[in-house]
Amino acid sequence: DKAVVFAKAYVKSADSNSRSGKTSSMKYDAYNALCLAYTAQKNYDAAIEACDTAIKDSPKGWLAYNSRGSLNLKTGNLTEANNDYRMALENAPEKGDIKTILEHNMNLAQNQ
């Protein structure tokens, strides 16, 4: 519950900053955090809305696709989960283990 409260405050702050012409990366992060918090609460309708807002704001951002993929996996929407993980993989940076983790997530969606 605290995570949702903090994420909503972050969204409010990000929204006010974006109206002032500042970068939208804060808004993207805020809505992605809200998506994760709502998913943890099992408030899936609100979670998908938050994920969609993050993706709409930054369509090349891999993290929100991964978050929405995990939400879709959790709710049994396996095709959508796989599509989201694929989009995350396409947009993920080459550094570190990110692509390995996303490939693992895709395998989870494909094998359920």
C-alpha atoms as a PDB file:
ATOM      1  CA  ASP A   1       0.000   0.000   0.000  1.00  0.00           C
ATOM      2  CA  LYS A   2       2.857   2.386   0.794  1.00  0.00           C
ATOM      3  CA  ALA A   3       4.385   1.705  -2.612  1.00  0.00           C
ATOM      4  CA  VAL A   4       1.179   2.836  -4.317  1.00  0.00           C
ATOM      5  CA  VAL A   5       1.051   5.992  -2.195  1.00  0.00           C
ATOM      6  CA  PHE A   6       4.678   6.833  -3.028  1.00  0.00           C
ATOM      7  CA  ALA A   7       4.230   5.987  -6.720  1.00  0.00           C
ATOM      8  CA  LYS A   8       1.121   8.193  -6.951  1.00  0.00           C
ATOM      9  CA  ALA A   9       3.054  11.059  -5.382  1.00  0.00           C
ATOM     10  CA  TYR A  10       5.857  10.460  -7.880  1.00  0.00           C
ATOM     11  CA  VAL A  11       3.330  10.475 -10.755  1.00  0.00           C
ATOM     12  CA  LYS A  12       1.826  13.731  -9.501  1.00  0.00           C
ATOM     13  CA  SER A  13       5.260  15.320  -9.328  1.00  0.00           C
ATOM     14  CA  ALA A  14       6.220  13.981 -12.758  1.00  0.00           C
ATOM     15  CA  ASP A  15       2.982  15.223 -14.306  1.00  0.00           C
ATOM     16  CA  SER A  16       3.541  18.717 -12.960  1.00  0.00           C
ATOM     17  CA  ASN A  17       7.130  18.696 -14.227  1.00  0.00           C
ATOM     18  CA  SER A  18       6.089  17.534 -17.699  1.00  0.00           C
ATOM     19  CA  ARG A  19       3.570  20.372 -17.926  1.00  0.00           C
ATOM     20  CA  SER A  20       6.419  22.779 -17.261  1.00  0.00           C
ATOM     21  CA  GLY A  21       8.300  21.390 -20.264  1.00  0.00           C
ATOM     22  CA  LYS A  22      10.820  19.267 -18.352  1.00  0.00           C
ATOM     23  CA  THR A  23      11.893  15.839 -19.569  1.00  0.00           C
ATOM     24  CA  SER A  24       9.389  13.017 -19.620  1.00  0.00           C
ATOM     25  CA  SER A  25      11.823  10.371 -18.308  1.00  0.00           C
ATOM     26  CA  MET A  26      10.623  11.140 -14.790  1.00  0.00           C
ATOM     27  CA  LYS A  27       7.022  10.598 -15.920  1.00  0.00           C
ATOM     28  CA  TYR A  28       7.978   7.299 -17.547  1.00  0.00           C
ATOM     29  CA  ASP A  29       9.689   6.095 -14.372  1.00  0.00           C
ATOM     30  CA  ALA A  30       6.779   7.267 -12.222  1.00  0.00           C
ATOM     31  CA  TYR A  31       4.139   5.428 -14.229  1.00  0.00           C
ATOM     32  CA  ASN A  32       6.304   2.306 -14.427  1.00  0.00           C
ATOM     33  CA  ALA A  33       6.674   2.379 -10.620  1.00  0.00           C
ATOM     34  CA  LEU A  34       2.913   2.800 -10.289  1.00  0.00           C
ATOM     35  CA  CYS A  35       2.371  -0.169 -12.621  1.00  0.00           C
ATOM     36  CA  LEU A  36       4.591  -2.353 -10.440  1.00  0.00           C
ATOM     37  CA  ALA A  37       2.960  -1.168  -7.215  1.00  0.00           C
ATOM     38  CA  TYR A  38      -0.550  -1.826  -8.503  1.00  0.00           C
ATOM     39  CA  THR A  39       0.530  -5.239  -9.813  1.00  0.00           C
ATOM     40  CA  ALA A  40       1.823  -6.140  -6.345  1.00  0.00           C
ATOM     41  CA  GLN A  41      -1.558  -5.103  -4.923  1.00  0.00           C
ATOM     42  CA  LYS A  42      -3.329  -7.234  -7.562  1.00  0.00           C
ATOM     43  CA  ASN A  43      -5.098  -4.114  -8.817  1.00  0.00           C
ATOM     44  CA  TYR A  44      -4.573  -5.270 -12.373  1.00  0.00           C
ATOM     45  CA  ASP A  45      -6.840  -2.788 -14.182  1.00  0.00           C
ATOM     46  CA  ALA A  46      -5.020   0.163 -12.628  1.00  0.00           C
ATOM     47  CA  ALA A  47      -1.678  -1.548 -13.257  1.00  0.00           C
ATOM     48  CA  ILE A  48      -2.312  -2.011 -16.973  1.00  0.00           C
ATOM     49  CA  GLU A  49      -3.402   1.605 -17.253  1.00  0.00           C
ATOM     50  CA  ALA A  50      -0.198   2.784 -15.574  1.00  0.00           C
ATOM     51  CA  CYS A  51       1.960   0.518 -17.764  1.00  0.00           C
ATOM     52  CA  ASP A  52       0.185   1.715 -20.898  1.00  0.00           C
ATOM     53  CA  THR A  53       0.763   5.346 -19.881  1.00  0.00           C
ATOM     54  CA  ALA A  54       4.479   4.703 -19.385  1.00  0.00           C
ATOM     55  CA  ILE A  55       4.738   2.970 -22.756  1.00  0.00           C
ATOM     56  CA  LYS A  56       2.761   5.692 -24.517  1.00  0.00           C
ATOM     57  CA  ASP A  57       5.072   8.304 -22.996  1.00  0.00           C
ATOM     58  CA  SER A  58       8.265   6.443 -23.984  1.00  0.00           C
ATOM     59  CA  PRO A  59       7.536   3.767 -26.611  1.00  0.00           C
ATOM     60  CA  LYS A  60      11.221   2.801 -26.815  1.00  0.00           C
ATOM     61  CA  GLY A  61      11.549   2.243 -23.072  1.00  0.00           C
ATOM     62  CA  TRP A  62      12.181  -1.421 -22.377  1.00  0.00           C
ATOM     63  CA  LEU A  63      11.424  -1.432 -18.650  1.00  0.00           C
ATOM     64  CA  ALA A  64       7.689  -0.671 -18.914  1.00  0.00           C
ATOM     65  CA  TYR A  65       7.291  -3.417 -21.524  1.00  0.00           C
ATOM     66  CA  ASN A  66       8.924  -5.816 -19.102  1.00  0.00           C
ATOM     67  CA  SER A  67       6.643  -4.626 -16.287  1.00  0.00           C
ATOM     68  CA  ARG A  68       3.543  -5.014 -18.432  1.00  0.00           C
ATOM     69  CA  GLY A  69       4.804  -8.397 -19.595  1.00  0.00           C
ATOM     70  CA  SER A  70       5.089  -9.552 -15.996  1.00  0.00           C
ATOM     71  CA  LEU A  71       1.596  -8.231 -15.293  1.00  0.00           C
ATOM     72  CA  ASN A  72       0.251 -10.108 -18.312  1.00  0.00           C
ATOM     73  CA  LEU A  73       2.096 -13.263 -17.272  1.00  0.00           C
ATOM     74  CA  LYS A  74       0.643 -12.998 -13.779  1.00  0.00           C
ATOM     75  CA  THR A  75      -2.899 -12.611 -15.140  1.00  0.00           C
ATOM     76  CA  GLY A  76      -2.576 -15.451 -17.646  1.00  0.00           C
ATOM     77  CA  ASN A  77      -2.403 -13.305 -20.781  1.00  0.00           C
ATOM     78  CA  LEU A  78       0.495 -15.295 -22.170  1.00  0.00           C
ATOM     79  CA  THR A  79       0.425 -14.028 -25.755  1.00  0.00           C
ATOM     80  CA  GLU A  80       0.441 -10.431 -24.551  1.00  0.00           C
ATOM     81  CA  ALA A  81       3.191 -11.235 -22.051  1.00  0.00           C
ATOM     82  CA  ASN A  82       5.342 -12.735 -24.778  1.00  0.00           C
ATOM     83  CA  ASN A  83       4.720  -9.733 -27.046  1.00  0.00           C
ATOM     84  CA  ASP A  84       5.662  -7.331 -24.258  1.00  0.00           C
ATOM     85  CA  TYR A  85       8.829  -9.241 -23.420  1.00  0.00           C
ATOM     86  CA  ARG A  86       9.743  -9.259 -27.115  1.00  0.00           C
ATOM     87  CA  MET A  87       9.303  -5.465 -27.280  1.00  0.00           C
ATOM     88  CA  ALA A  88      11.376  -5.095 -24.105  1.00  0.00           C
ATOM     89  CA  LEU A  89      14.107  -7.226 -25.650  1.00  0.00           C
ATOM     90  CA  GLU A  90      14.100  -5.172 -28.859  1.00  0.00           C
ATOM     91  CA  ASN A  91      14.524  -1.945 -26.898  1.00  0.00           C
ATOM     92  CA  ALA A  92      16.841  -3.146 -24.124  1.00  0.00           C
ATOM     93  CA  PRO A  93      20.401  -1.895 -23.886  1.00  0.00           C
ATOM     94  CA  GLU A  94      23.219  -4.258 -24.783  1.00  0.00           C
ATOM     95  CA  LYS A  95      24.965  -3.899 -21.439  1.00  0.00           C
ATOM     96  CA  GLY A  96      24.801  -6.250 -18.482  1.00  0.00           C
ATOM     97  CA  ASP A  97      22.421  -9.162 -18.084  1.00  0.00           C
ATOM     98  CA  ILE A  98      19.255  -7.333 -19.117  1.00  0.00           C
ATOM     99  CA  LYS A  99      18.780  -9.262 -22.347  1.00  0.00           C
ATOM    100  CA  THR A 100      19.411 -12.571 -20.569  1.00  0.00           C
ATOM    101  CA  ILE A 101      16.721 -11.748 -18.010  1.00  0.00           C
ATOM    102  CA  LEU A 102      14.268 -10.720 -20.728  1.00  0.00           C
ATOM    103  CA  GLU A 103      14.938 -13.929 -22.657  1.00  0.00           C
ATOM    104  CA  HIS A 104      14.254 -15.836 -19.441  1.00  0.00           C
ATOM    105  CA  ASN A 105      10.959 -13.954 -19.038  1.00  0.00           C
ATOM    106  CA  MET A 106       9.993 -14.796 -22.627  1.00  0.00           C
ATOM    107  CA  ASN A 107      10.697 -18.467 -21.937  1.00  0.00           C
ATOM    108  CA  LEU A 108       8.427 -18.308 -18.886  1.00  0.00           C
ATOM    109  CA  ALA A 109       5.596 -16.908 -20.991  1.00  0.00           C
ATOM    110  CA  GLN A 110       6.134 -19.451 -23.763  1.00  0.00           C
ATOM    111  CA  ASN A 111       6.296 -22.440 -21.425  1.00  0.00           C
ATOM    112  CA  GLN A 112       3.159 -21.815 -19.395  1.00  0.00           C
END
